[in-house]
């Protein structure tokens, strides 16, 4: 009995370690401009990074960054190699089975992009025999796999920048991803000249989710609540809008989505 009590006490201590610790390790893959990426000096930058800094300041937490590949973000979190995922991760029912999400800090639709002079439709008939590029392990990967893998080739990449290079070099017929990221990091850049959005925006919550949020281990509810309060605070005091205005000329929070 004594051993059981000691084991339970140790487990309770472990579960509360992150909440009581002053330093919180934030994880991202840093391949997703303008949300999270590294500048020429190798420093984390982007909308996610600035929002994280504001949240940590508001919650009075000392936050540091940990770099992980996208596919490793959740496994590394569960293995205690990081404490919070801050990498534009969408809230989905599938992910909620494994991890805990905060309230959203933004919400955007997803879109297809293809060469402006293409005339095929973004449906099974139009995409038959085509090659679609996506970042692997994302909701966009899941969407095109579920909807089109029986008629099209799905080519998966570790980072979004690789998708753009293969679009430019003609190795892909289309890509599918976060509409705002595609516009700001591809279509508005030199590399995206000659490309445009195709088809309608996809807002199906079964795939696109309930918003983009920070992700934590399920036992870290107290820490999640600290971040929820911080999200509400920076929304109310104007900090959120000030940061968002540096990156977007539209409502990234997505009130109506």
C-alpha atoms as a PDB file:
ATOM      1  CA  UNK A   1       0.000   0.000   0.000  1.00  0.00           C
ATOM      2  CA  UNK A   2       2.822   2.391   0.904  1.00  0.00           C
ATOM      3  CA  UNK A   3       4.465   1.818  -2.505  1.00  0.00           C
ATOM      4  CA  UNK A   4       1.161   2.521  -4.273  1.00  0.00           C
ATOM      5  CA  UNK A   5       0.680   5.772  -2.351  1.00  0.00           C
ATOM      6  CA  UNK A   6       4.240   6.853  -3.156  1.00  0.00           C
ATOM      7  CA  UNK A   7       3.718   6.038  -6.837  1.00  0.00           C
ATOM      8  CA  UNK A   8       0.506   8.042  -6.934  1.00  0.00           C
ATOM      9  CA  UNK A   9       2.199  10.969  -5.232  1.00  0.00           C
ATOM     10  CA  UNK A  10       5.043  10.866  -7.760  1.00  0.00           C
ATOM     11  CA  UNK A  11       2.568  10.769 -10.653  1.00  0.00           C
ATOM     12  CA  UNK A  12       0.691  13.760  -9.244  1.00  0.00           C
ATOM     13  CA  UNK A  13       3.949  15.662  -8.872  1.00  0.00           C
ATOM     14  CA  UNK A  14       4.930  14.868 -12.468  1.00  0.00           C
ATOM     15  CA  UNK A  15       1.527  15.971 -13.763  1.00  0.00           C
ATOM     16  CA  UNK A  16       1.832  19.346 -12.078  1.00  0.00           C
ATOM     17  CA  UNK A  17       5.494  19.946 -12.932  1.00  0.00           C
ATOM     18  CA  UNK A  18       4.800  22.084 -15.986  1.00  0.00           C
ATOM     19  CA  UNK A  19       2.189  24.180 -14.209  1.00  0.00           C
ATOM     20  CA  UNK A  20       4.461  24.976 -11.293  1.00  0.00           C
ATOM     21  CA  UNK A  21       7.628  25.400 -13.351  1.00  0.00           C
ATOM     22  CA  UNK A  22       8.532  28.917 -14.378  1.00  0.00           C
ATOM     23  CA  UNK A  23      10.003  27.885 -17.728  1.00  0.00           C
ATOM     24  CA  UNK A  24       7.734  26.474 -20.420  1.00  0.00           C
ATOM     25  CA  UNK A  25       9.155  24.850 -23.553  1.00  0.00           C
ATOM     26  CA  UNK A  26       7.241  25.808 -26.699  1.00  0.00           C
ATOM     27  CA  UNK A  27       7.654  23.558 -29.748  1.00  0.00           C
ATOM     28  CA  UNK A  28       7.339  24.412 -33.435  1.00  0.00           C
ATOM     29  CA  UNK A  29       8.696  23.122 -36.741  1.00  0.00           C
ATOM     30  CA  UNK A  30       9.537  26.666 -37.990  1.00  0.00           C
ATOM     31  CA  UNK A  31       8.631  25.876 -41.614  1.00  0.00           C
ATOM     32  CA  UNK A  32       5.430  27.878 -41.938  1.00  0.00           C
ATOM     33  CA  UNK A  33       5.921  31.565 -42.806  1.00  0.00           C
ATOM     34  CA  UNK A  34       4.480  34.044 -41.964  1.00  0.00           C
ATOM     35  CA  UNK A  35       3.254  32.154 -38.889  1.00  0.00           C
ATOM     36  CA  UNK A  36       6.398  30.413 -37.653  1.00  0.00           C
ATOM     37  CA  UNK A  37       9.820  30.262 -39.295  1.00  0.00           C
ATOM     38  CA  UNK A  38      13.425  31.293 -38.683  1.00  0.00           C
ATOM     39  CA  UNK A  39      14.974  34.511 -39.934  1.00  0.00           C
ATOM     40  CA  UNK A  40      18.409  34.918 -41.522  1.00  0.00           C
ATOM     41  CA  UNK A  41      19.990  34.825 -38.070  1.00  0.00           C
ATOM     42  CA  UNK A  42      18.281  31.521 -37.256  1.00  0.00           C
ATOM     43  CA  UNK A  43      15.915  33.143 -34.747  1.00  0.00           C
ATOM     44  CA  UNK A  44      12.246  32.107 -34.427  1.00  0.00           C
ATOM     45  CA  UNK A  45       9.968  34.718 -35.958  1.00  0.00           C
ATOM     46  CA  UNK A  46       6.447  35.163 -37.309  1.00  0.00           C
ATOM     47  CA  UNK A  47       2.881  35.670 -36.109  1.00  0.00           C
ATOM     48  CA  UNK A  48       2.832  32.548 -33.897  1.00  0.00           C
ATOM     49  CA  UNK A  49       6.130  33.549 -32.322  1.00  0.00           C
ATOM     50  CA  UNK A  50       4.996  37.062 -31.448  1.00  0.00           C
ATOM     51  CA  UNK A  51       1.638  35.855 -30.139  1.00  0.00           C
ATOM     52  CA  UNK A  52       3.458  33.284 -27.986  1.00  0.00           C
ATOM     53  CA  UNK A  53       5.714  35.998 -26.547  1.00  0.00           C
ATOM     54  CA  UNK A  54       2.676  38.115 -25.698  1.00  0.00           C
ATOM     55  CA  UNK A  55       0.879  35.170 -24.083  1.00  0.00           C
ATOM     56  CA  UNK A  56       3.895  34.166 -22.009  1.00  0.00           C
ATOM     57  CA  UNK A  57       4.354  37.755 -20.842  1.00  0.00           C
ATOM     58  CA  UNK A  58       0.673  38.038 -19.909  1.00  0.00           C
ATOM     59  CA  UNK A  59       0.742  34.674 -18.077  1.00  0.00           C
ATOM     60  CA  UNK A  60       4.063  35.561 -16.393  1.00  0.00           C
ATOM     61  CA  UNK A  61       5.803  32.499 -17.817  1.00  0.00           C
ATOM     62  CA  UNK A  62       9.375  32.204 -19.072  1.00  0.00           C
ATOM     63  CA  UNK A  63       9.076  30.488 -22.439  1.00  0.00           C
ATOM     64  CA  UNK A  64      11.802  28.957 -24.595  1.00  0.00           C
ATOM     65  CA  UNK A  65      11.595  27.400 -28.060  1.00  0.00           C
ATOM     66  CA  UNK A  66      12.209  23.782 -29.072  1.00  0.00           C
ATOM     67  CA  UNK A  67      12.521  22.807 -32.750  1.00  0.00           C
ATOM     68  CA  UNK A  68      10.712  19.626 -33.861  1.00  0.00           C
ATOM     69  CA  UNK A  69       9.626  18.228 -37.211  1.00  0.00           C
ATOM     70  CA  UNK A  70       5.865  18.489 -37.738  1.00  0.00           C
ATOM     71  CA  UNK A  71       5.262  14.741 -37.420  1.00  0.00           C
ATOM     72  CA  UNK A  72       7.260  14.684 -34.165  1.00  0.00           C
ATOM     73  CA  UNK A  73       5.419  17.540 -32.447  1.00  0.00           C
ATOM     74  CA  UNK A  74       2.726  15.490 -30.707  1.00  0.00           C
ATOM     75  CA  UNK A  75       4.925  12.453 -29.883  1.00  0.00           C
ATOM     76  CA  UNK A  76       7.587  14.774 -28.444  1.00  0.00           C
ATOM     77  CA  UNK A  77       4.998  16.621 -26.366  1.00  0.00           C
ATOM     78  CA  UNK A  78       3.691  13.346 -24.948  1.00  0.00           C
ATOM     79  CA  UNK A  79       7.276  12.229 -24.255  1.00  0.00           C
ATOM     80  CA  UNK A  80       7.855  15.428 -22.219  1.00  0.00           C
ATOM     81  CA  UNK A  81      10.433  16.778 -24.669  1.00  0.00           C
ATOM     82  CA  UNK A  82       8.339  19.959 -24.866  1.00  0.00           C
ATOM     83  CA  UNK A  83       5.464  21.413 -22.865  1.00  0.00           C
ATOM     84  CA  UNK A  84       3.333  23.245 -25.409  1.00  0.00           C
ATOM     85  CA  UNK A  85       2.953  23.030 -29.188  1.00  0.00           C
ATOM     86  CA  UNK A  86       2.757  26.497 -30.744  1.00  0.00           C
ATOM     87  CA  UNK A  87       2.883  25.703 -34.439  1.00  0.00           C
ATOM     88  CA  UNK A  88      -0.416  26.719 -36.070  1.00  0.00           C
ATOM     89  CA  UNK A  89      -1.937  23.382 -35.100  1.00  0.00           C
ATOM     90  CA  UNK A  90      -5.656  23.035 -35.777  1.00  0.00           C
ATOM     91  CA  UNK A  91      -8.130  21.749 -33.203  1.00  0.00           C
ATOM     92  CA  UNK A  92      -9.559  18.495 -34.550  1.00  0.00           C
ATOM     93  CA  UNK A  93     -11.519  15.716 -32.889  1.00  0.00           C
ATOM     94  CA  UNK A  94      -8.838  13.195 -33.851  1.00  0.00           C
ATOM     95  CA  UNK A  95      -6.104  15.210 -32.125  1.00  0.00           C
ATOM     96  CA  UNK A  96      -8.315  15.896 -29.111  1.00  0.00           C
ATOM     97  CA  UNK A  97      -8.227  12.181 -28.336  1.00  0.00           C
ATOM     98  CA  UNK A  98      -4.507  12.535 -27.556  1.00  0.00           C
ATOM     99  CA  UNK A  99      -3.882  16.123 -26.500  1.00  0.00           C
ATOM    100  CA  UNK A 100      -5.491  19.148 -24.858  1.00  0.00           C
ATOM    101  CA  UNK A 101      -6.090  22.356 -26.786  1.00  0.00           C
ATOM    102  CA  UNK A 102      -6.474  25.889 -25.537  1.00  0.00           C
ATOM    103  CA  UNK A 103      -9.088  28.197 -26.996  1.00  0.00           C
ATOM    104  CA  UNK A 104      -8.317  29.215 -30.576  1.00  0.00           C
ATOM    105  CA  UNK A 105      -6.000  32.103 -31.357  1.00  0.00           C
ATOM    106  CA  UNK A 106      -6.928  32.186 -35.050  1.00  0.00           C
ATOM    107  CA  UNK A 107      -9.110  30.456 -37.639  1.00  0.00           C
ATOM    108  CA  UNK A 108      -8.767  30.401 -41.413  1.00  0.00           C
ATOM    109  CA  UNK A 109     -10.137  28.330 -44.318  1.00  0.00           C
ATOM    110  CA  UNK A 110      -8.100  26.088 -46.618  1.00  0.00           C
ATOM    111  CA  UNK A 111      -7.723  26.458 -50.400  1.00  0.00           C
ATOM    112  CA  UNK A 112      -6.249  24.862 -53.480  1.00  0.00           C
ATOM    113  CA  UNK A 113      -3.595  26.678 -55.515  1.00  0.00           C
ATOM    114  CA  UNK A 114      -2.605  25.844 -59.075  1.00  0.00           C
ATOM    115  CA  UNK A 115      -1.148  27.590 -62.131  1.00  0.00           C
ATOM    116  CA  UNK A 116      -3.389  30.444 -63.247  1.00  0.00           C
ATOM    117  CA  UNK A 117      -3.684  29.063 -66.789  1.00  0.00           C
ATOM    118  CA  UNK A 118      -4.903  25.610 -65.710  1.00  0.00           C
ATOM    119  CA  UNK A 119      -8.547  24.825 -66.344  1.00  0.00           C
ATOM    120  CA  UNK A 120      -9.158  21.662 -64.320  1.00  0.00           C
ATOM    121  CA  UNK A 121     -11.628  21.733 -61.433  1.00  0.00           C
ATOM    122  CA  UNK A 122     -10.779  21.007 -57.792  1.00  0.00           C
ATOM    123  CA  UNK A 123     -12.891  17.853 -57.612  1.00  0.00           C
ATOM    124  CA  UNK A 124     -12.393  14.178 -58.416  1.00  0.00           C
ATOM    125  CA  UNK A 125     -13.065  14.655 -62.098  1.00  0.00           C
ATOM    126  CA  UNK A 126     -10.673  17.580 -62.430  1.00  0.00           C
ATOM    127  CA  UNK A 127      -7.917  16.158 -60.227  1.00  0.00           C
ATOM    128  CA  UNK A 128      -7.885  12.705 -61.806  1.00  0.00           C
ATOM    129  CA  UNK A 129      -4.298  11.821 -62.705  1.00  0.00           C
ATOM    130  CA  UNK A 130      -2.948  15.024 -61.149  1.00  0.00           C
ATOM    131  CA  UNK A 131      -0.186  15.387 -58.512  1.00  0.00           C
ATOM    132  CA  UNK A 132      -1.173  17.258 -55.342  1.00  0.00           C
ATOM    133  CA  UNK A 133       1.511  18.478 -52.936  1.00  0.00           C
ATOM    134  CA  UNK A 134       0.891  18.894 -49.197  1.00  0.00           C
ATOM    135  CA  UNK A 135       2.845  19.129 -45.968  1.00  0.00           C
ATOM    136  CA  UNK A 136       2.819  15.647 -44.476  1.00  0.00           C
ATOM    137  CA  UNK A 137       0.873  14.862 -41.329  1.00  0.00           C
ATOM    138  CA  UNK A 138      -1.300  17.991 -41.557  1.00  0.00           C
ATOM    139  CA  UNK A 139      -5.070  18.317 -41.785  1.00  0.00           C
ATOM    140  CA  UNK A 140      -4.503  19.295 -45.417  1.00  0.00           C
ATOM    141  CA  UNK A 141      -2.735  15.984 -46.004  1.00  0.00           C
ATOM    142  CA  UNK A 142      -5.671  14.147 -44.422  1.00  0.00           C
ATOM    143  CA  UNK A 143      -8.228  16.061 -46.486  1.00  0.00           C
ATOM    144  CA  UNK A 144      -6.685  15.417 -49.910  1.00  0.00           C
ATOM    145  CA  UNK A 145      -5.861  11.830 -48.949  1.00  0.00           C
ATOM    146  CA  UNK A 146      -9.461  11.114 -47.938  1.00  0.00           C
ATOM    147  CA  UNK A 147     -10.992  12.955 -50.869  1.00  0.00           C
ATOM    148  CA  UNK A 148      -8.638  12.372 -53.797  1.00  0.00           C
ATOM    149  CA  UNK A 149      -6.044   9.640 -53.182  1.00  0.00           C
ATOM    150  CA  UNK A 150      -8.094   7.191 -55.256  1.00  0.00           C
ATOM    151  CA  UNK A 151      -7.771   9.382 -58.360  1.00  0.00           C
ATOM    152  CA  UNK A 152      -4.689  11.564 -57.790  1.00  0.00           C
ATOM    153  CA  UNK A 153      -1.110  11.155 -56.589  1.00  0.00           C
ATOM    154  CA  UNK A 154      -0.569  12.769 -53.190  1.00  0.00           C
ATOM    155  CA  UNK A 155       3.016  13.948 -52.747  1.00  0.00           C
ATOM    156  CA  UNK A 156       3.949  14.732 -49.133  1.00  0.00           C
ATOM    157  CA  UNK A 157       6.674  17.073 -47.882  1.00  0.00           C
ATOM    158  CA  UNK A 158       8.354  17.717 -44.548  1.00  0.00           C
ATOM    159  CA  UNK A 159       7.998  21.499 -44.908  1.00  0.00           C
ATOM    160  CA  UNK A 160       5.762  23.908 -46.798  1.00  0.00           C
ATOM    161  CA  UNK A 161       8.698  25.626 -48.515  1.00  0.00           C
ATOM    162  CA  UNK A 162       9.488  22.360 -50.323  1.00  0.00           C
ATOM    163  CA  UNK A 163       5.943  22.324 -51.690  1.00  0.00           C
ATOM    164  CA  UNK A 164       6.409  25.791 -53.163  1.00  0.00           C
ATOM    165  CA  UNK A 165       9.689  24.849 -54.834  1.00  0.00           C
ATOM    166  CA  UNK A 166       8.110  21.860 -56.550  1.00  0.00           C
ATOM    167  CA  UNK A 167       5.106  23.967 -57.599  1.00  0.00           C
ATOM    168  CA  UNK A 168       7.473  26.475 -59.226  1.00  0.00           C
ATOM    169  CA  UNK A 169       9.501  23.704 -60.881  1.00  0.00           C
ATOM    170  CA  UNK A 170       6.403  22.084 -62.385  1.00  0.00           C
ATOM    171  CA  UNK A 171       6.532  18.877 -60.347  1.00  0.00           C
ATOM    172  CA  UNK A 172       3.071  19.462 -58.888  1.00  0.00           C
ATOM    173  CA  UNK A 173      -0.274  20.256 -60.461  1.00  0.00           C
ATOM    174  CA  UNK A 174      -1.783  21.737 -57.301  1.00  0.00           C
ATOM    175  CA  UNK A 175      -1.275  22.225 -53.598  1.00  0.00           C
ATOM    176  CA  UNK A 176      -3.759  22.489 -50.746  1.00  0.00           C
ATOM    177  CA  UNK A 177      -3.241  24.347 -47.490  1.00  0.00           C
ATOM    178  CA  UNK A 178      -4.032  27.228 -45.182  1.00  0.00           C
ATOM    179  CA  UNK A 179      -5.409  29.974 -47.447  1.00  0.00           C
ATOM    180  CA  UNK A 180      -3.634  32.808 -45.652  1.00  0.00           C
ATOM    181  CA  UNK A 181      -0.296  31.031 -45.538  1.00  0.00           C
ATOM    182  CA  UNK A 182      -0.540  30.171 -49.241  1.00  0.00           C
ATOM    183  CA  UNK A 183      -1.337  33.764 -50.139  1.00  0.00           C
ATOM    184  CA  UNK A 184       1.256  35.490 -47.983  1.00  0.00           C
ATOM    185  CA  UNK A 185       4.145  33.035 -48.295  1.00  0.00           C
ATOM    186  CA  UNK A 186       3.632  31.916 -51.904  1.00  0.00           C
ATOM    187  CA  UNK A 187       1.182  33.834 -54.104  1.00  0.00           C
ATOM    188  CA  UNK A 188       2.455  37.268 -53.038  1.00  0.00           C
ATOM    189  CA  UNK A 189       6.109  36.247 -53.473  1.00  0.00           C
ATOM    190  CA  UNK A 190       8.153  35.991 -56.672  1.00  0.00           C
ATOM    191  CA  UNK A 191       8.128  32.200 -56.377  1.00  0.00           C
ATOM    192  CA  UNK A 192       4.323  32.213 -56.659  1.00  0.00           C
ATOM    193  CA  UNK A 193       4.016  34.307 -59.808  1.00  0.00           C
ATOM    194  CA  UNK A 194       1.718  32.652 -62.312  1.00  0.00           C
ATOM    195  CA  UNK A 195      -0.252  30.790 -59.634  1.00  0.00           C
ATOM    196  CA  UNK A 196      -3.622  31.531 -58.083  1.00  0.00           C
ATOM    197  CA  UNK A 197      -6.333  30.122 -55.840  1.00  0.00           C
ATOM    198  CA  UNK A 198      -8.569  27.557 -57.496  1.00  0.00           C
ATOM    199  CA  UNK A 199     -11.964  26.287 -56.400  1.00  0.00           C
ATOM    200  CA  UNK A 200     -13.902  27.311 -53.304  1.00  0.00           C
ATOM    201  CA  UNK A 201     -12.554  27.751 -49.793  1.00  0.00           C
ATOM    202  CA  UNK A 202     -12.850  24.594 -47.669  1.00  0.00           C
ATOM    203  CA  UNK A 203     -14.328  25.191 -44.194  1.00  0.00           C
ATOM    204  CA  UNK A 204     -15.501  21.660 -43.351  1.00  0.00           C
ATOM    205  CA  UNK A 205     -14.831  21.468 -39.592  1.00  0.00           C
ATOM    206  CA  UNK A 206     -14.436  17.695 -39.791  1.00  0.00           C
ATOM    207  CA  UNK A 207     -11.120  18.458 -41.504  1.00  0.00           C
ATOM    208  CA  UNK A 208     -10.352  22.139 -40.968  1.00  0.00           C
ATOM    209  CA  UNK A 209     -11.188  21.955 -37.282  1.00  0.00           C
ATOM    210  CA  UNK A 210     -12.499  24.433 -34.750  1.00  0.00           C
ATOM    211  CA  UNK A 211      -9.618  26.883 -34.992  1.00  0.00           C
ATOM    212  CA  UNK A 212      -5.882  27.007 -34.409  1.00  0.00           C
ATOM    213  CA  UNK A 213      -4.668  26.704 -30.820  1.00  0.00           C
ATOM    214  CA  UNK A 214      -1.839  25.847 -28.470  1.00  0.00           C
ATOM    215  CA  UNK A 215      -1.632  22.130 -27.651  1.00  0.00           C
ATOM    216  CA  UNK A 216      -0.670  20.563 -24.323  1.00  0.00           C
ATOM    217  CA  UNK A 217      -0.706  17.229 -22.536  1.00  0.00           C
ATOM    218  CA  UNK A 218      -4.162  16.405 -21.208  1.00  0.00           C
ATOM    219  CA  UNK A 219      -3.067  16.579 -17.574  1.00  0.00           C
ATOM    220  CA  UNK A 220      -1.809  20.168 -17.954  1.00  0.00           C
ATOM    221  CA  UNK A 221      -5.248  21.757 -17.612  1.00  0.00           C
ATOM    222  CA  UNK A 222      -4.070  24.471 -15.237  1.00  0.00           C
ATOM    223  CA  UNK A 223      -1.403  25.602 -17.715  1.00  0.00           C
ATOM    224  CA  UNK A 224      -3.941  25.539 -20.540  1.00  0.00           C
ATOM    225  CA  UNK A 225      -6.226  27.766 -18.489  1.00  0.00           C
ATOM    226  CA  UNK A 226      -3.372  30.233 -17.961  1.00  0.00           C
ATOM    227  CA  UNK A 227      -2.975  30.475 -21.712  1.00  0.00           C
ATOM    228  CA  UNK A 228      -6.760  30.778 -22.212  1.00  0.00           C
ATOM    229  CA  UNK A 229      -6.833  33.739 -19.842  1.00  0.00           C
ATOM    230  CA  UNK A 230      -3.838  35.235 -21.613  1.00  0.00           C
ATOM    231  CA  UNK A 231      -5.514  34.839 -25.038  1.00  0.00           C
ATOM    232  CA  UNK A 232      -8.597  36.651 -23.743  1.00  0.00           C
ATOM    233  CA  UNK A 233      -6.433  39.367 -22.189  1.00  0.00           C
ATOM    234  CA  UNK A 234      -4.375  40.174 -25.295  1.00  0.00           C
ATOM    235  CA  UNK A 235      -7.559  40.167 -27.389  1.00  0.00           C
ATOM    236  CA  UNK A 236      -9.109  42.665 -24.984  1.00  0.00           C
ATOM    237  CA  UNK A 237      -6.144  45.000 -24.479  1.00  0.00           C
ATOM    238  CA  UNK A 238      -5.280  45.433 -28.161  1.00  0.00           C
ATOM    239  CA  UNK A 239      -2.011  43.480 -28.141  1.00  0.00           C
ATOM    240  CA  UNK A 240      -3.420  40.765 -30.414  1.00  0.00           C
ATOM    241  CA  UNK A 241      -4.673  43.250 -33.028  1.00  0.00           C
ATOM    242  CA  UNK A 242      -1.370  45.136 -32.965  1.00  0.00           C
ATOM    243  CA  UNK A 243       0.582  41.950 -33.712  1.00  0.00           C
ATOM    244  CA  UNK A 244      -1.929  40.723 -36.317  1.00  0.00           C
ATOM    245  CA  UNK A 245      -1.772  44.054 -38.180  1.00  0.00           C
ATOM    246  CA  UNK A 246       1.960  43.493 -38.794  1.00  0.00           C
ATOM    247  CA  UNK A 247       1.206  40.342 -40.794  1.00  0.00           C
ATOM    248  CA  UNK A 248      -2.359  40.525 -42.135  1.00  0.00           C
ATOM    249  CA  UNK A 249      -4.769  43.066 -43.604  1.00  0.00           C
ATOM    250  CA  UNK A 250      -7.841  41.004 -42.650  1.00  0.00           C
ATOM    251  CA  UNK A 251      -9.363  39.409 -39.552  1.00  0.00           C
ATOM    252  CA  UNK A 252      -7.056  36.441 -38.880  1.00  0.00           C
ATOM    253  CA  UNK A 253      -8.949  35.609 -35.700  1.00  0.00           C
ATOM    254  CA  UNK A 254     -11.892  34.554 -37.843  1.00  0.00           C
ATOM    255  CA  UNK A 255     -14.928  35.648 -35.861  1.00  0.00           C
ATOM    256  CA  UNK A 256     -17.385  34.139 -38.338  1.00  0.00           C
ATOM    257  CA  UNK A 257     -15.620  30.850 -39.097  1.00  0.00           C
END
